[in-house]
Amino acid sequence: MDALLHKFYLAFKNLDADTMIECYHDDILFKDPAFGVLKAERAKNMWRMLCNTQKGKDFKVSYSNIKTNNEKGYANWQAEYLFSKTGRRVINSISSEFQFKDGLIIKHTDSFDLHNWAKQAFGFKGWLIGNTSFFENKLQKQTNKILDIFESKNI
């Protein structure tokens, strides 16, 4: 399963959503602080949207510490980019956990310090409220609204 996660992250480095999605089971369950829980096609569309919006921009992904067995996997990765809403540089370090089924990723959970991300993305305002459930809920509503718009235009 190591090869599957290397394929996934190498595709992400190259902003190749189609190859990333090949690594996902049809019943994929994705979860992270920014989007909340996404299932099946919606999770796949999130990667399509993210890869599409970052093409031609100063976006970098690196990954390390891939560890797997037949059932579970772990990895660390880092994204560097300009947050489009504020133009501020963000360096986000993420820990990922995976579960596998039929040789594919069936569950993908990304964890990161949302408060640290908010400070980078929004400055003082992010420092002030970035560690609150209010902020997390508002962020998830906004990211899902953006995903809704992407899906309505591209599906």
N, C-alpha and C. Protein backbone atom coordinates (compact mmCIF):
# COMPACT_ATOMS: atom_id res chain seq x y z
N MET A 1 0.81 -1.19 0.00
CA MET A 1 0.00 0.00 0.00
C MET A 1 0.86 1.27 0.00
N ASP A 2 2.16 1.09 0.31
CA ASP A 2 3.07 2.24 0.23
C ASP A 2 3.02 2.88 -1.16
N ALA A 3 3.03 2.01 -2.19
CA ALA A 3 3.04 2.51 -3.56
C ALA A 3 1.78 3.33 -3.86
N LEU A 4 0.66 2.93 -3.30
CA LEU A 4 -0.60 3.66 -3.52
C LEU A 4 -0.51 5.08 -2.95
N LEU A 5 0.03 5.21 -1.74
CA LEU A 5 0.14 6.54 -1.15
C LEU A 5 1.19 7.39 -1.85
N HIS A 6 2.28 6.77 -2.30
CA HIS A 6 3.27 7.52 -3.10
C HIS A 6 2.62 8.02 -4.39
N LYS A 7 1.83 7.16 -5.04
CA LYS A 7 1.12 7.55 -6.27
C LYS A 7 0.20 8.74 -5.99
N PHE A 8 -0.54 8.66 -4.89
CA PHE A 8 -1.49 9.71 -4.52
C PHE A 8 -0.77 11.05 -4.33
N TYR A 9 0.28 11.06 -3.52
CA TYR A 9 0.96 12.32 -3.21
C TYR A 9 1.80 12.84 -4.37
N LEU A 10 2.37 11.96 -5.16
CA LEU A 10 3.10 12.42 -6.34
C LEU A 10 2.13 13.09 -7.32
N ALA A 11 0.95 12.50 -7.46
CA ALA A 11 -0.08 13.12 -8.31
C ALA A 11 -0.49 14.47 -7.75
N PHE A 12 -0.59 14.58 -6.44
CA PHE A 12 -0.95 15.87 -5.83
C PHE A 12 0.15 16.90 -6.10
N LYS A 13 1.41 16.49 -5.97
CA LYS A 13 2.51 17.41 -6.27
C LYS A 13 2.40 17.95 -7.69
N ASN A 14 1.90 17.09 -8.60
CA ASN A 14 1.77 17.46 -10.01
C ASN A 14 0.38 18.01 -10.34
N LEU A 15 -0.45 18.22 -9.31
CA LEU A 15 -1.82 18.72 -9.48
C LEU A 15 -2.62 17.88 -10.48
N ASP A 16 -2.45 16.57 -10.38
CA ASP A 16 -3.10 15.60 -11.25
C ASP A 16 -4.24 14.93 -10.48
N ALA A 17 -5.38 15.59 -10.47
CA ALA A 17 -6.53 15.10 -9.70
C ALA A 17 -7.01 13.74 -10.19
N ASP A 18 -6.97 13.50 -11.50
CA ASP A 18 -7.46 12.23 -12.02
C ASP A 18 -6.68 11.05 -11.44
N THR A 19 -5.37 11.18 -11.35
CA THR A 19 -4.55 10.11 -10.79
C THR A 19 -4.79 9.99 -9.29
N MET A 20 -4.96 11.12 -8.61
CA MET A 20 -5.28 11.06 -7.18
C MET A 20 -6.56 10.26 -6.96
N ILE A 21 -7.57 10.56 -7.77
CA ILE A 21 -8.88 9.94 -7.62
C ILE A 21 -8.84 8.45 -7.95
N GLU A 22 -7.92 8.03 -8.81
CA GLU A 22 -7.76 6.60 -9.10
C GLU A 22 -7.37 5.83 -7.84
N CYS A 23 -6.80 6.52 -6.87
CA CYS A 23 -6.37 5.88 -5.62
C CYS A 23 -7.52 5.73 -4.63
N TYR A 24 -8.64 6.37 -4.90
CA TYR A 24 -9.79 6.36 -3.98
C TYR A 24 -10.80 5.28 -4.36
N HIS A 25 -11.33 4.62 -3.37
CA HIS A 25 -12.46 3.71 -3.52
C HIS A 25 -13.70 4.53 -3.86
N ASP A 26 -14.65 3.95 -4.55
CA ASP A 26 -15.89 4.68 -4.88
C ASP A 26 -16.63 5.16 -3.64
N ASP A 27 -16.48 4.44 -2.53
CA ASP A 27 -17.17 4.80 -1.29
C ASP A 27 -16.26 5.59 -0.33
N ILE A 28 -15.34 6.36 -0.88
CA ILE A 28 -14.38 7.11 -0.07
C ILE A 28 -15.08 8.01 0.94
N LEU A 29 -14.49 8.10 2.13
CA LEU A 29 -14.93 9.05 3.16
C LEU A 29 -13.70 9.89 3.49
N PHE A 30 -13.80 11.19 3.24
CA PHE A 30 -12.71 12.13 3.51
C PHE A 30 -13.12 13.06 4.63
N LYS A 31 -12.15 13.43 5.47
CA LYS A 31 -12.44 14.38 6.55
C LYS A 31 -11.21 15.23 6.80
N ASP A 32 -11.44 16.55 6.97
CA ASP A 32 -10.39 17.46 7.42
C ASP A 32 -11.03 18.68 8.06
N PRO A 33 -10.23 19.51 8.75
CA PRO A 33 -10.80 20.68 9.43
C PRO A 33 -11.39 21.72 8.48
N ALA A 34 -10.91 21.80 7.26
CA ALA A 34 -11.36 22.84 6.34
C ALA A 34 -12.68 22.50 5.65
N PHE A 35 -12.88 21.24 5.28
CA PHE A 35 -14.08 20.84 4.55
C PHE A 35 -15.06 20.04 5.40
N GLY A 36 -14.60 19.50 6.51
CA GLY A 36 -15.45 18.61 7.29
C GLY A 36 -15.45 17.24 6.65
N VAL A 37 -16.61 16.59 6.61
CA VAL A 37 -16.73 15.24 6.06
C VAL A 37 -17.28 15.34 4.63
N LEU A 38 -16.57 14.68 3.72
CA LEU A 38 -17.01 14.59 2.32
C LEU A 38 -17.04 13.12 1.93
N LYS A 39 -18.06 12.73 1.17
CA LYS A 39 -18.21 11.33 0.79
C LYS A 39 -18.23 11.17 -0.73
N ALA A 40 -17.71 10.05 -1.17
CA ALA A 40 -17.79 9.58 -2.55
C ALA A 40 -17.38 10.66 -3.56
N GLU A 41 -18.26 10.96 -4.51
CA GLU A 41 -17.91 11.91 -5.57
C GLU A 41 -17.56 13.29 -5.05
N ARG A 42 -18.19 13.68 -3.97
CA ARG A 42 -17.91 15.01 -3.42
C ARG A 42 -16.47 15.10 -2.94
N ALA A 43 -15.96 14.05 -2.32
CA ALA A 43 -14.55 14.02 -1.91
C ALA A 43 -13.64 14.08 -3.13
N LYS A 44 -13.99 13.34 -4.16
CA LYS A 44 -13.19 13.36 -5.39
C LYS A 44 -13.23 14.74 -6.04
N ASN A 45 -14.40 15.36 -6.02
CA ASN A 45 -14.54 16.70 -6.62
C ASN A 45 -13.75 17.75 -5.86
N MET A 46 -13.58 17.56 -4.56
CA MET A 46 -12.75 18.48 -3.79
C MET A 46 -11.33 18.51 -4.37
N TRP A 47 -10.76 17.32 -4.65
CA TRP A 47 -9.41 17.27 -5.22
C TRP A 47 -9.39 17.86 -6.63
N ARG A 48 -10.44 17.59 -7.40
CA ARG A 48 -10.51 18.19 -8.75
C ARG A 48 -10.49 19.72 -8.64
N MET A 49 -11.28 20.25 -7.72
CA MET A 49 -11.35 21.69 -7.53
C MET A 49 -10.01 22.25 -7.06
N LEU A 50 -9.44 21.64 -6.03
CA LEU A 50 -8.18 22.15 -5.48
C LEU A 50 -7.05 22.12 -6.52
N CYS A 51 -6.94 21.02 -7.23
CA CYS A 51 -5.90 20.93 -8.27
C CYS A 51 -6.13 21.94 -9.38
N ASN A 52 -7.38 22.11 -9.77
CA ASN A 52 -7.73 23.04 -10.84
C ASN A 52 -7.42 24.48 -10.44
N THR A 53 -7.74 24.86 -9.21
CA THR A 53 -7.54 26.25 -8.79
C THR A 53 -6.08 26.58 -8.52
N GLN A 54 -5.23 25.58 -8.31
CA GLN A 54 -3.83 25.85 -8.01
C GLN A 54 -2.93 25.83 -9.24
N LYS A 55 -3.42 25.33 -10.36
CA LYS A 55 -2.59 25.26 -11.57
C LYS A 55 -2.11 26.65 -11.96
N GLY A 56 -0.81 26.74 -12.26
CA GLY A 56 -0.23 28.01 -12.68
C GLY A 56 0.07 28.95 -11.53
N LYS A 57 -0.13 28.49 -10.31
CA LYS A 57 0.14 29.33 -9.14
C LYS A 57 1.34 28.78 -8.38
N ASP A 58 1.78 29.54 -7.42
CA ASP A 58 2.93 29.16 -6.60
C ASP A 58 2.46 28.18 -5.52
N PHE A 59 2.26 26.93 -5.90
CA PHE A 59 1.74 25.91 -5.01
C PHE A 59 2.73 24.75 -4.96
N LYS A 60 3.09 24.34 -3.75
CA LYS A 60 4.05 23.24 -3.59
C LYS A 60 3.52 22.26 -2.57
N VAL A 61 3.73 20.98 -2.86
CA VAL A 61 3.39 19.91 -1.93
C VAL A 61 4.62 19.04 -1.73
N SER A 62 4.90 18.70 -0.49
CA SER A 62 5.92 17.70 -0.19
C SER A 62 5.30 16.69 0.76
N TYR A 63 5.83 15.48 0.75
CA TYR A 63 5.29 14.44 1.63
C TYR A 63 6.41 13.57 2.16
N SER A 64 6.14 12.91 3.29
CA SER A 64 7.15 12.07 3.93
C SER A 64 6.49 11.08 4.89
N ASN A 65 7.30 10.21 5.44
CA ASN A 65 6.90 9.29 6.50
C ASN A 65 5.70 8.42 6.15
N ILE A 66 5.67 7.92 4.94
CA ILE A 66 4.59 7.01 4.57
C ILE A 66 4.83 5.67 5.25
N LYS A 67 3.79 5.22 5.95
CA LYS A 67 3.83 3.92 6.63
C LYS A 67 2.49 3.25 6.38
N THR A 68 2.53 2.00 5.94
CA THR A 68 1.29 1.29 5.65
C THR A 68 1.38 -0.18 6.06
N ASN A 69 0.21 -0.77 6.20
CA ASN A 69 0.05 -2.22 6.18
C ASN A 69 -1.14 -2.48 5.26
N ASN A 70 -1.68 -3.67 5.26
CA ASN A 70 -2.78 -3.96 4.33
C ASN A 70 -4.08 -3.25 4.66
N GLU A 71 -4.21 -2.76 5.90
CA GLU A 71 -5.47 -2.16 6.33
C GLU A 71 -5.41 -0.66 6.54
N LYS A 72 -4.24 -0.15 7.00
CA LYS A 72 -4.13 1.26 7.37
C LYS A 72 -2.85 1.87 6.83
N GLY A 73 -2.86 3.20 6.78
CA GLY A 73 -1.65 3.91 6.37
C GLY A 73 -1.59 5.28 7.02
N TYR A 74 -0.38 5.83 7.01
CA TYR A 74 -0.12 7.14 7.60
C TYR A 74 0.87 7.88 6.72
N ALA A 75 0.76 9.18 6.70
CA ALA A 75 1.71 10.01 5.96
C ALA A 75 1.69 11.42 6.54
N ASN A 76 2.75 12.14 6.30
CA ASN A 76 2.81 13.56 6.61
C ASN A 76 3.01 14.29 5.29
N TRP A 77 2.38 15.44 5.17
CA TRP A 77 2.60 16.25 3.98
C TRP A 77 2.49 17.72 4.33
N GLN A 78 3.03 18.53 3.45
CA GLN A 78 3.04 19.97 3.66
C GLN A 78 2.65 20.66 2.37
N ALA A 79 1.78 21.65 2.50
CA ALA A 79 1.37 22.47 1.36
C ALA A 79 1.85 23.89 1.60
N GLU A 80 2.42 24.49 0.57
CA GLU A 80 2.81 25.90 0.59
C GLU A 80 2.08 26.60 -0.54
N TYR A 81 1.40 27.70 -0.21
CA TYR A 81 0.63 28.40 -1.23
C TYR A 81 0.26 29.79 -0.76
N LEU A 82 -0.22 30.59 -1.70
CA LEU A 82 -0.80 31.89 -1.35
C LEU A 82 -2.29 31.68 -1.17
N PHE A 83 -2.79 32.07 -0.01
CA PHE A 83 -4.23 31.95 0.26
C PHE A 83 -4.94 33.01 -0.57
N SER A 84 -5.79 32.57 -1.49
CA SER A 84 -6.37 33.48 -2.49
C SER A 84 -7.19 34.61 -1.87
N LYS A 85 -7.86 34.36 -0.78
CA LYS A 85 -8.74 35.37 -0.19
C LYS A 85 -7.97 36.57 0.37
N THR A 86 -6.75 36.32 0.89
CA THR A 86 -5.98 37.40 1.52
C THR A 86 -4.64 37.66 0.85
N GLY A 87 -4.19 36.74 0.00
CA GLY A 87 -2.88 36.88 -0.63
C GLY A 87 -1.73 36.56 0.31
N ARG A 88 -2.03 36.01 1.48
CA ARG A 88 -1.01 35.69 2.47
C ARG A 88 -0.43 34.29 2.21
N ARG A 89 0.88 34.14 2.47
CA ARG A 89 1.54 32.84 2.31
C ARG A 89 1.18 31.93 3.47
N VAL A 90 0.84 30.68 3.12
CA VAL A 90 0.49 29.66 4.10
C VAL A 90 1.41 28.47 3.90
N ILE A 91 1.94 27.97 5.00
CA ILE A 91 2.67 26.71 5.01
C ILE A 91 1.95 25.82 6.01
N ASN A 92 1.24 24.82 5.49
CA ASN A 92 0.39 23.98 6.31
C ASN A 92 0.96 22.57 6.39
N SER A 93 1.23 22.12 7.60
CA SER A 93 1.73 20.76 7.85
C SER A 93 0.57 19.88 8.27
N ILE A 94 0.41 18.76 7.55
CA ILE A 94 -0.76 17.90 7.72
C ILE A 94 -0.33 16.47 8.03
N SER A 95 -1.05 15.83 8.94
CA SER A 95 -0.89 14.40 9.20
C SER A 95 -2.10 13.69 8.61
N SER A 96 -1.84 12.62 7.89
CA SER A 96 -2.93 11.89 7.24
C SER A 96 -3.00 10.46 7.75
N GLU A 97 -4.23 9.99 7.91
CA GLU A 97 -4.49 8.59 8.24
C GLU A 97 -5.38 8.02 7.15
N PHE A 98 -5.11 6.78 6.78
CA PHE A 98 -5.85 6.13 5.71
C PHE A 98 -6.32 4.75 6.16
N GLN A 99 -7.44 4.34 5.58
CA GLN A 99 -7.88 2.96 5.67
C GLN A 99 -8.06 2.48 4.24
N PHE A 100 -7.74 1.20 4.01
CA PHE A 100 -7.77 0.64 2.66
C PHE A 100 -8.84 -0.44 2.53
N LYS A 101 -9.38 -0.53 1.33
CA LYS A 101 -10.33 -1.59 0.98
C LYS A 101 -10.18 -1.88 -0.50
N ASP A 102 -10.10 -3.12 -0.86
CA ASP A 102 -9.97 -3.54 -2.26
C ASP A 102 -8.76 -2.88 -2.93
N GLY A 103 -7.70 -2.65 -2.17
CA GLY A 103 -6.47 -2.08 -2.73
C GLY A 103 -6.53 -0.57 -2.97
N LEU A 104 -7.57 0.08 -2.45
CA LEU A 104 -7.74 1.51 -2.64
C LEU A 104 -7.99 2.19 -1.29
N ILE A 105 -7.94 3.51 -1.29
CA ILE A 105 -8.20 4.28 -0.07
C ILE A 105 -9.71 4.40 0.11
N ILE A 106 -10.21 3.89 1.23
CA ILE A 106 -11.65 3.97 1.54
C ILE A 106 -11.94 5.07 2.55
N LYS A 107 -10.94 5.42 3.39
CA LYS A 107 -11.11 6.49 4.36
C LYS A 107 -9.81 7.28 4.43
N HIS A 108 -9.94 8.61 4.38
CA HIS A 108 -8.79 9.52 4.38
C HIS A 108 -9.11 10.65 5.35
N THR A 109 -8.31 10.75 6.41
CA THR A 109 -8.50 11.80 7.41
C THR A 109 -7.24 12.64 7.49
N ASP A 110 -7.38 13.91 7.18
CA ASP A 110 -6.27 14.87 7.30
C ASP A 110 -6.47 15.69 8.57
N SER A 111 -5.39 15.84 9.34
CA SER A 111 -5.42 16.64 10.57
C SER A 111 -4.34 17.70 10.50
N PHE A 112 -4.69 18.91 10.90
CA PHE A 112 -3.71 19.98 11.00
C PHE A 112 -4.18 20.99 12.03
N ASP A 113 -3.25 21.84 12.44
CA ASP A 113 -3.51 22.86 13.45
C ASP A 113 -4.27 24.01 12.77
N LEU A 114 -5.59 24.00 12.93
CA LEU A 114 -6.43 25.00 12.27
C LEU A 114 -6.11 26.41 12.76
N HIS A 115 -5.78 26.56 14.02
CA HIS A 115 -5.44 27.87 14.56
C HIS A 115 -4.19 28.42 13.88
N ASN A 116 -3.18 27.58 13.74
CA ASN A 116 -1.95 28.00 13.06
C ASN A 116 -2.23 28.36 11.60
N TRP A 117 -3.06 27.55 10.94
CA TRP A 117 -3.43 27.85 9.55
C TRP A 117 -4.14 29.20 9.48
N ALA A 118 -5.08 29.43 10.39
CA ALA A 118 -5.87 30.67 10.39
C ALA A 118 -4.98 31.89 10.61
N LYS A 119 -3.99 31.77 11.50
CA LYS A 119 -3.05 32.88 11.75
C LYS A 119 -2.31 33.23 10.46
N GLN A 120 -1.88 32.21 9.72
CA GLN A 120 -1.16 32.46 8.48
C GLN A 120 -2.08 33.04 7.40
N ALA A 121 -3.25 32.46 7.28
CA ALA A 121 -4.17 32.84 6.21
C ALA A 121 -4.82 34.20 6.44
N PHE A 122 -5.14 34.53 7.71
CA PHE A 122 -5.90 35.74 8.01
C PHE A 122 -5.18 36.74 8.92
N GLY A 123 -3.97 36.42 9.37
CA GLY A 123 -3.26 37.35 10.23
C GLY A 123 -3.89 37.46 11.60
N PHE A 124 -3.98 38.68 12.12
CA PHE A 124 -4.48 38.91 13.49
C PHE A 124 -5.88 38.35 13.69
N LYS A 125 -6.75 38.53 12.71
CA LYS A 125 -8.12 38.01 12.83
C LYS A 125 -8.10 36.49 13.00
N GLY A 126 -7.24 35.81 12.25
CA GLY A 126 -7.11 34.36 12.38
C GLY A 126 -6.55 33.96 13.72
N TRP A 127 -5.60 34.75 14.22
CA TRP A 127 -5.03 34.48 15.54
C TRP A 127 -6.12 34.61 16.61
N LEU A 128 -6.96 35.60 16.42
CA LEU A 128 -7.99 35.90 17.41
C LEU A 128 -9.07 34.82 17.49
N ILE A 129 -9.58 34.37 16.35
CA ILE A 129 -10.72 33.45 16.36
C ILE A 129 -10.44 32.09 15.75
N GLY A 130 -9.23 31.86 15.25
CA GLY A 130 -8.91 30.63 14.52
C GLY A 130 -8.98 29.35 15.33
N ASN A 131 -9.04 29.45 16.65
CA ASN A 131 -9.12 28.24 17.46
C ASN A 131 -10.52 28.00 18.02
N THR A 132 -11.52 28.63 17.42
CA THR A 132 -12.89 28.49 17.90
C THR A 132 -13.71 27.57 16.99
N SER A 133 -14.72 26.94 17.56
CA SER A 133 -15.62 26.12 16.74
C SER A 133 -16.41 27.00 15.78
N PHE A 134 -16.69 28.24 16.18
CA PHE A 134 -17.35 29.19 15.28
C PHE A 134 -16.56 29.35 13.99
N PHE A 135 -15.23 29.55 14.12
CA PHE A 135 -14.39 29.72 12.94
C PHE A 135 -14.39 28.45 12.09
N GLU A 136 -14.21 27.30 12.72
CA GLU A 136 -14.17 26.04 11.97
C GLU A 136 -15.48 25.81 11.22
N ASN A 137 -16.60 26.05 11.88
CA ASN A 137 -17.90 25.86 11.23
C ASN A 137 -18.09 26.83 10.06
N LYS A 138 -17.69 28.09 10.27
CA LYS A 138 -17.82 29.08 9.20
C LYS A 138 -16.91 28.72 8.01
N LEU A 139 -15.68 28.29 8.31
CA LEU A 139 -14.76 27.88 7.25
C LEU A 139 -15.34 26.72 6.45
N GLN A 140 -15.86 25.71 7.13
CA GLN A 140 -16.44 24.56 6.44
C GLN A 140 -17.64 24.95 5.58
N LYS A 141 -18.45 25.87 6.06
CA LYS A 141 -19.58 26.34 5.25
C LYS A 141 -19.08 27.04 3.99
N GLN A 142 -18.05 27.87 4.14
CA GLN A 142 -17.50 28.60 2.99
C GLN A 142 -16.85 27.66 1.99
N THR A 143 -16.03 26.71 2.47
CA THR A 143 -15.35 25.81 1.54
C THR A 143 -16.35 24.91 0.83
N ASN A 144 -17.38 24.48 1.54
CA ASN A 144 -18.39 23.64 0.90
C ASN A 144 -19.24 24.42 -0.09
N LYS A 145 -19.46 25.71 0.17
CA LYS A 145 -20.18 26.55 -0.80
C LYS A 145 -19.35 26.70 -2.07
N ILE A 146 -18.05 26.89 -1.92
CA ILE A 146 -17.15 26.98 -3.08
C ILE A 146 -17.17 25.66 -3.85
N LEU A 147 -17.16 24.54 -3.12
CA LEU A 147 -17.24 23.22 -3.77
C LEU A 147 -18.58 23.05 -4.48
N ASP A 148 -19.67 23.50 -3.88
CA ASP A 148 -20.98 23.45 -4.54
C ASP A 148 -20.94 24.19 -5.88
N ILE A 149 -20.37 25.36 -5.89
CA ILE A 149 -20.28 26.17 -7.12
C ILE A 149 -19.42 25.45 -8.15
N PHE A 150 -18.28 24.89 -7.72
CA PHE A 150 -17.42 24.14 -8.63
C PHE A 150 -18.19 22.97 -9.24
N GLU A 151 -18.90 22.23 -8.40
CA GLU A 151 -19.64 21.08 -8.90
C GLU A 151 -20.74 21.50 -9.87
N SER A 152 -21.40 22.59 -9.61
CA SER A 152 -22.49 23.03 -10.49
C SER A 152 -21.97 23.44 -11.87
N LYS A 153 -20.73 23.91 -11.93
CA LYS A 153 -20.15 24.35 -13.19
C LYS A 153 -19.43 23.23 -13.94
N ASN A 154 -18.97 22.21 -13.22
CA ASN A 154 -18.10 21.21 -13.82
C ASN A 154 -18.65 19.80 -13.86
N ILE A 155 -19.84 19.60 -13.37
CA ILE A 155 -20.38 18.24 -13.34
C ILE A 155 -21.58 18.15 -14.25
